[in-house]
Amino acid sequence: MSGTTRARRLAGAAACLAVTAACLTTAAATAAAGTGPASRAGCDAPAPHEPGTTAVRTVDSGGIARSVRVHLPPGYTADREWPVVLVFHGRGNSGAETEGFSGLSGLPAIVAYPDGVPGGEGKRSWQGAPYSAPGVDDVAFTADLLDDLGSGLCADPDRVYATGKSNGGGFTEILACRMPGWIAAIAPVAGAYYRAGEPPCDPGRPIPALFVHGTGDATIPYTGDPERGLPPIPDKVAEWAGRDGCRPDPVSRRIEPDVTVSTWPGCAGGAAVEHVAVDGGGHTWPGATAYSGGGATTQTVRAAELVGGFFGLGRS
């Protein structure tokens, strides 16, 4: 991304933060106003690889060559804009492994699975965690990744979504806080909500968020872990609902014998905040087709379908 482009986008984001009332619009309208990525250059380019397949590409960011797996939906063509789903793996995992168990490549979207930089114990991780690689700016990397995708693919800059698991799930919240003009909505799964070195979250506009978590998660406990600075999950969701201007009392419904969905009504700007609690669910990806973490993995719901539905996407 050029210095001029980055300066323009950061200036737009700053203006949004300065005039909060004017920014209480839907995510798509905010992005369309120019506070996020605006390039549609890729709509003039042929598909870089066969639609319906995944290819690895490299994005240079902060002096580091970063690996990203990019899946194109089977019907991809460059004559229409496609939503983008960014998927951030958990600590010690990879984009390839996450693509393998998540089912997210079945969404009708450009789905990108970046790899984190090795941090503590040599394990790949993302910004904000106490074990993340020092000096690595994953927020800037995400902006560079979106610029790269927009330059070679017909990506819709108004429909950029972020999901992920564990450390990667927690990182999506940081992106919503730090890149409100770029990220239309987030959907962390079994999120680890560390905020080491992060400023207070003030996106300046309501951002839709879906939080999926198992009540039996022993890695990132549902009830929180004060010694590690991890909040109880219900408190985290309520905090986000308050930030989005929702009414304080959620409406809950049982959709499966082990799954409860809570929805906060009356959110500002048409935003939505939802929480999916899986009774006894472990540090896992609901509906995973391969190992995704320790503990029980429910098959009564599929996280890919929950996430895709929340983002307004169906299946390919």
Protein backbone atom coordinates (compact mmCIF):
# COMPACT_ATOMS: atom_id res chain seq x y z
CA MET A 1 0.00 0.00 0.00
CA SER A 2 1.36 3.42 -0.92
CA GLY A 3 2.05 6.01 1.76
CA THR A 4 -0.58 8.29 0.23
CA THR A 5 -3.22 5.59 0.26
CA ARG A 6 -2.48 4.58 3.85
CA ALA A 7 -2.52 8.21 4.99
CA ARG A 8 -5.88 8.80 3.30
CA ARG A 9 -7.43 5.74 4.93
CA LEU A 10 -6.05 6.50 8.37
CA ALA A 11 -7.31 10.06 8.06
CA GLY A 12 -10.75 8.73 7.22
CA ALA A 13 -10.70 6.44 10.23
CA ALA A 14 -9.59 9.32 12.47
CA ALA A 15 -12.44 11.46 11.20
CA CYS A 16 -14.86 8.63 11.96
CA LEU A 17 -13.59 8.40 15.52
CA ALA A 18 -13.85 12.15 15.96
CA VAL A 19 -17.49 12.32 14.87
CA THR A 20 -18.97 9.24 16.48
CA ALA A 21 -22.63 10.10 15.90
CA ALA A 22 -22.09 10.46 12.18
CA CYS A 23 -20.47 7.03 12.06
CA LEU A 24 -23.35 5.07 13.58
CA THR A 25 -24.29 3.48 10.25
CA THR A 26 -24.18 -0.05 8.98
CA ALA A 27 -20.81 -1.65 8.38
CA ALA A 28 -21.27 -1.62 4.61
CA ALA A 29 -22.22 2.05 4.53
CA THR A 30 -19.21 2.99 6.64
CA ALA A 31 -16.80 1.11 4.39
CA ALA A 32 -18.43 2.62 1.32
CA ALA A 33 -17.81 6.09 2.77
CA GLY A 34 -14.08 5.56 2.21
CA THR A 35 -12.66 4.76 5.64
CA GLY A 36 -11.40 1.36 4.53
CA PRO A 37 -9.84 -0.33 1.52
CA ALA A 38 -11.09 1.20 -1.70
CA SER A 39 -9.14 -0.60 -4.44
CA ARG A 40 -11.13 -2.57 -6.99
CA ALA A 41 -8.18 -3.01 -9.36
CA GLY A 42 -8.48 -6.78 -9.20
CA CYS A 43 -11.84 -6.64 -10.99
CA ASP A 44 -9.86 -6.08 -14.20
CA ALA A 45 -7.62 -9.10 -13.63
CA PRO A 46 -8.08 -12.77 -14.52
CA ALA A 47 -8.38 -15.24 -11.65
CA PRO A 48 -4.86 -15.93 -10.32
CA HIS A 49 -5.73 -19.61 -9.87
CA GLU A 50 -8.55 -22.03 -10.64
CA PRO A 51 -11.86 -21.15 -8.93
CA GLY A 52 -12.82 -23.76 -6.37
CA THR A 53 -9.20 -24.29 -5.34
CA THR A 54 -6.75 -22.90 -2.80
CA ALA A 55 -3.34 -21.42 -3.63
CA VAL A 56 -0.54 -20.01 -1.49
CA ARG A 57 0.64 -16.47 -2.01
CA THR A 58 3.19 -14.29 -0.23
CA VAL A 59 2.52 -10.82 1.16
CA ASP A 60 5.43 -8.62 2.21
CA SER A 61 4.64 -6.65 5.34
CA GLY A 62 6.96 -4.94 7.80
CA GLY A 63 9.99 -6.53 6.17
CA ILE A 64 8.59 -10.06 6.59
CA ALA A 65 7.36 -12.33 3.81
CA ARG A 66 4.04 -13.66 5.08
CA SER A 67 2.36 -16.79 3.74
CA VAL A 68 -1.37 -16.76 2.98
CA ARG A 69 -3.63 -19.48 1.61
CA VAL A 70 -6.40 -18.04 -0.58
CA HIS A 71 -9.45 -20.06 -1.59
CA LEU A 72 -11.59 -18.91 -4.50
CA PRO A 73 -15.22 -20.02 -4.58
CA PRO A 74 -16.18 -22.36 -7.44
CA GLY A 75 -18.19 -19.68 -9.23
CA TYR A 76 -15.56 -16.95 -8.95
CA THR A 77 -15.42 -14.51 -11.85
CA ALA A 78 -13.88 -11.06 -12.04
CA ASP A 79 -17.04 -9.40 -13.35
CA ARG A 80 -18.61 -9.11 -9.89
CA GLU A 81 -17.33 -8.22 -6.44
CA TRP A 82 -16.94 -11.01 -3.90
CA PRO A 83 -16.98 -10.80 -0.09
CA VAL A 84 -13.73 -11.55 1.71
CA VAL A 85 -13.45 -13.70 4.83
CA LEU A 86 -10.18 -13.48 6.76
CA VAL A 87 -9.50 -16.57 8.91
CA PHE A 88 -6.89 -16.40 11.69
CA HIS A 89 -5.60 -19.67 13.13
CA GLY A 90 -4.98 -20.44 16.79
CA ARG A 91 -1.60 -20.37 18.52
CA GLY A 92 0.75 -23.01 17.13
CA ASN A 93 -1.62 -23.81 14.30
CA SER A 94 -1.53 -22.76 10.64
CA GLY A 95 -3.75 -21.52 7.88
CA ALA A 96 -3.58 -24.92 6.20
CA GLU A 97 -4.72 -26.79 9.30
CA THR A 98 -7.52 -24.32 9.95
CA GLU A 99 -8.75 -24.59 6.38
CA GLY A 100 -8.71 -28.36 6.84
CA PHE A 101 -10.99 -28.54 9.88
CA SER A 102 -13.14 -25.40 9.62
CA GLY A 103 -15.22 -25.90 6.50
CA LEU A 104 -14.95 -22.18 5.75
CA SER A 105 -13.76 -22.74 2.19
CA GLY A 106 -17.33 -23.82 1.45
CA LEU A 107 -18.50 -20.21 1.80
CA PRO A 108 -19.30 -18.22 -1.39
CA ALA A 109 -16.47 -15.80 -0.72
CA ILE A 110 -12.78 -15.22 -1.17
CA VAL A 111 -11.43 -16.91 1.96
CA ALA A 112 -7.91 -16.06 3.12
CA TYR A 113 -5.97 -18.08 5.72
CA PRO A 114 -2.83 -16.16 6.71
CA ASP A 115 -0.06 -17.63 8.86
CA GLY A 116 1.09 -15.87 12.01
CA VAL A 117 4.73 -15.21 12.88
CA PRO A 118 6.36 -17.60 15.39
CA GLY A 119 6.39 -16.12 18.88
CA GLY A 120 6.88 -17.75 22.28
CA GLU A 121 8.03 -21.39 22.11
CA GLY A 122 8.38 -20.91 18.36
CA LYS A 123 4.62 -21.17 17.85
CA ARG A 124 2.80 -19.06 15.29
CA SER A 125 0.59 -16.47 16.94
CA TRP A 126 -1.12 -13.12 16.54
CA GLN A 127 -0.74 -9.67 18.03
CA GLY A 128 -2.14 -8.91 21.48
CA ALA A 129 -1.23 -12.18 23.22
CA PRO A 130 1.56 -12.32 25.82
CA TYR A 131 3.34 -14.91 23.67
CA SER A 132 3.03 -13.13 20.31
CA ALA A 133 6.18 -12.27 18.34
CA PRO A 134 7.61 -8.97 19.62
CA GLY A 135 7.71 -6.11 17.15
CA VAL A 136 5.35 -7.74 14.66
CA ASP A 137 2.46 -5.51 13.60
CA ASP A 138 -0.31 -7.89 12.56
CA VAL A 139 -2.80 -5.04 12.19
CA ALA A 140 -0.60 -3.44 9.53
CA PHE A 141 -0.14 -6.87 7.96
CA THR A 142 -3.90 -7.28 7.71
CA ALA A 143 -4.15 -3.95 5.87
CA ASP A 144 -1.36 -5.03 3.53
CA LEU A 145 -3.08 -8.38 2.97
CA LEU A 146 -6.35 -6.68 2.04
CA ASP A 147 -4.53 -4.38 -0.35
CA ASP A 148 -2.85 -7.40 -1.93
CA LEU A 149 -6.14 -9.26 -2.31
CA GLY A 150 -7.82 -6.20 -3.79
CA SER A 151 -5.07 -5.73 -6.35
CA GLY A 152 -5.42 -9.20 -7.85
CA LEU A 153 -8.98 -10.30 -7.08
CA CYS A 154 -12.41 -8.74 -7.50
CA ALA A 155 -12.89 -8.26 -3.77
CA ASP A 156 -15.69 -6.17 -2.29
CA PRO A 157 -14.04 -3.72 0.15
CA ASP A 158 -17.43 -3.14 1.81
CA ARG A 159 -17.80 -6.82 2.76
CA VAL A 160 -14.61 -7.81 4.58
CA TYR A 161 -15.21 -10.14 7.52
CA ALA A 162 -12.89 -11.68 10.10
CA THR A 163 -13.14 -14.94 11.99
CA GLY A 164 -10.66 -17.22 13.71
CA LYS A 165 -10.06 -19.59 16.57
CA SER A 166 -8.48 -19.06 19.98
CA ASN A 167 -5.63 -16.52 19.67
CA GLY A 168 -6.78 -15.88 16.09
CA GLY A 169 -10.35 -15.38 17.27
CA GLY A 170 -9.22 -12.87 19.87
CA PHE A 171 -7.21 -11.06 17.21
CA THR A 172 -10.38 -10.42 15.21
CA GLU A 173 -11.63 -8.27 18.08
CA ILE A 174 -8.41 -6.25 17.92
CA LEU A 175 -9.01 -5.75 14.20
CA ALA A 176 -12.55 -4.53 14.86
CA CYS A 177 -11.18 -2.07 17.41
CA ARG A 178 -8.23 -0.90 15.30
CA MET A 179 -9.60 -1.17 11.73
CA PRO A 180 -13.28 -0.17 12.00
CA GLY A 181 -13.37 1.16 8.44
CA TRP A 182 -12.04 -2.08 7.00
CA ILE A 183 -13.79 -4.85 8.97
CA ALA A 184 -17.54 -5.18 8.45
CA ALA A 185 -18.13 -7.82 11.16
CA ILE A 186 -16.28 -10.38 13.29
CA ALA A 187 -17.05 -13.92 14.47
CA PRO A 188 -14.43 -15.31 16.89
CA VAL A 189 -14.65 -18.98 17.87
CA ALA A 190 -13.20 -20.12 21.23
CA GLY A 191 -11.57 -16.70 21.35
CA ALA A 192 -8.61 -15.84 23.57
CA TYR A 193 -9.22 -12.17 24.32
CA TYR A 194 -5.77 -10.95 25.24
CA ARG A 195 -5.03 -7.27 24.76
CA ALA A 196 -1.34 -6.98 25.66
CA GLY A 197 -0.01 -3.64 24.42
CA GLU A 198 -3.34 -2.68 22.87
CA PRO A 199 -5.02 0.72 23.38
CA PRO A 200 -8.57 0.88 24.73
CA CYS A 201 -11.09 -0.32 22.18
CA ASP A 202 -12.95 2.61 20.61
CA PRO A 203 -13.99 1.80 17.03
CA GLY A 204 -16.29 4.82 16.89
CA ARG A 205 -19.11 2.86 15.33
CA PRO A 206 -21.09 -0.31 16.06
CA ILE A 207 -19.51 -3.43 14.56
CA PRO A 208 -21.54 -6.65 14.37
CA ALA A 209 -20.01 -9.50 16.36
CA LEU A 210 -20.77 -13.19 16.88
CA PHE A 211 -19.02 -14.96 19.77
CA VAL A 212 -18.94 -18.79 19.74
CA HIS A 213 -17.56 -20.57 22.81
CA GLY A 214 -17.83 -23.90 24.61
CA THR A 215 -18.72 -23.87 28.30
CA GLY A 216 -16.29 -26.76 28.86
CA ASP A 217 -13.29 -25.06 27.27
CA ALA A 218 -10.30 -25.87 29.51
CA THR A 219 -7.80 -23.79 27.48
CA ILE A 220 -9.69 -20.51 27.38
CA PRO A 221 -12.18 -21.02 30.22
CA TYR A 222 -15.73 -19.85 29.67
CA THR A 223 -15.67 -18.41 33.20
CA GLY A 224 -12.43 -16.52 32.50
CA ASP A 225 -8.92 -16.71 33.92
CA PRO A 226 -7.94 -13.55 35.86
CA GLU A 227 -4.32 -14.67 36.24
CA ARG A 228 -3.94 -14.60 32.46
CA GLY A 229 -6.08 -11.53 31.99
CA LEU A 230 -8.83 -13.48 30.25
CA PRO A 231 -12.39 -12.23 30.85
CA PRO A 232 -15.43 -14.46 31.37
CA ILE A 233 -16.98 -14.97 27.96
CA PRO A 234 -20.44 -13.67 28.95
CA ASP A 235 -18.76 -10.49 30.22
CA LYS A 236 -16.82 -10.08 26.97
CA VAL A 237 -19.98 -10.41 24.88
CA ALA A 238 -21.91 -8.03 27.13
CA GLU A 239 -19.05 -5.53 26.86
CA TRP A 240 -19.26 -5.65 23.07
CA ALA A 241 -23.05 -5.34 23.17
CA GLY A 242 -22.69 -2.24 25.30
CA ARG A 243 -20.12 -0.82 22.90
CA ASP A 244 -22.58 -1.38 20.04
CA GLY A 245 -25.35 0.41 21.92
CA CYS A 246 -27.52 -2.69 22.35
CA ARG A 247 -30.08 -3.11 25.08
CA PRO A 248 -28.56 -4.91 28.09
CA ASP A 249 -30.83 -7.95 28.30
CA PRO A 250 -30.35 -10.58 25.60
CA VAL A 251 -33.02 -12.85 24.19
CA SER A 252 -31.92 -16.49 24.41
CA ARG A 253 -33.18 -19.53 22.55
CA ARG A 254 -32.17 -23.18 22.49
CA ILE A 255 -31.48 -24.25 18.89
CA GLU A 256 -30.03 -27.69 19.69
CA PRO A 257 -29.96 -29.83 22.86
CA ASP A 258 -26.47 -28.49 23.63
CA VAL A 259 -26.52 -25.06 21.95
CA THR A 260 -27.99 -21.76 23.16
CA VAL A 261 -27.99 -18.59 21.07
CA SER A 262 -28.32 -15.23 22.82
CA THR A 263 -29.11 -12.10 20.82
CA TRP A 264 -28.87 -8.52 22.07
CA PRO A 265 -31.69 -6.35 20.68
CA GLY A 266 -31.76 -2.68 19.80
CA CYS A 267 -28.13 -2.28 18.74
CA ALA A 268 -27.16 1.03 17.17
CA GLY A 269 -26.85 1.39 13.43
CA GLY A 270 -28.53 -1.93 12.70
CA ALA A 271 -25.63 -3.90 14.18
CA ALA A 272 -26.07 -7.39 15.63
CA VAL A 273 -24.40 -9.00 18.63
CA GLU A 274 -24.90 -12.72 19.25
CA HIS A 275 -23.40 -15.37 21.49
CA VAL A 276 -23.47 -19.10 20.77
CA ALA A 277 -22.76 -21.14 23.91
CA VAL A 278 -22.06 -24.85 23.44
CA ASP A 279 -22.80 -26.85 26.60
CA GLY A 280 -19.70 -28.82 27.51
CA GLY A 281 -17.94 -27.80 24.32
CA GLY A 282 -14.16 -27.83 24.48
CA HIS A 283 -11.49 -25.63 22.93
CA THR A 284 -12.76 -26.74 19.57
CA TRP A 285 -14.42 -25.67 16.34
CA PRO A 286 -18.07 -26.82 16.31
CA GLY A 287 -18.68 -29.22 13.47
CA ALA A 288 -14.96 -29.67 12.78
CA THR A 289 -14.15 -32.43 10.34
CA ALA A 290 -10.68 -33.00 11.85
CA TYR A 291 -8.90 -32.32 15.15
CA SER A 292 -9.36 -28.67 16.13
CA GLY A 293 -8.35 -28.60 19.80
CA GLY A 294 -8.80 -30.29 23.15
CA GLY A 295 -12.16 -31.31 24.55
CA ALA A 296 -15.54 -32.18 23.12
CA THR A 297 -16.49 -31.11 19.61
CA THR A 298 -20.22 -30.77 19.03
CA GLN A 299 -21.64 -31.91 15.72
CA THR A 300 -25.10 -30.52 16.32
CA VAL A 301 -24.06 -27.21 14.74
CA ARG A 302 -21.28 -26.22 12.35
CA ALA A 303 -19.30 -23.09 13.12
CA ALA A 304 -18.79 -22.50 9.40
CA GLU A 305 -22.54 -22.26 8.92
CA LEU A 306 -23.01 -20.09 11.99
CA VAL A 307 -20.25 -17.74 10.84
CA GLY A 308 -21.40 -17.69 7.23
CA GLY A 309 -24.98 -17.03 8.27
CA PHE A 310 -23.98 -14.19 10.57
CA PHE A 311 -21.93 -12.62 7.76
CA GLY A 312 -24.89 -12.90 5.40
CA LEU A 313 -23.27 -15.63 3.31
CA GLY A 314 -24.71 -18.99 2.32
CA ARG A 315 -22.82 -22.00 1.03
CA SER A 316 -21.15 -22.39 -2.36
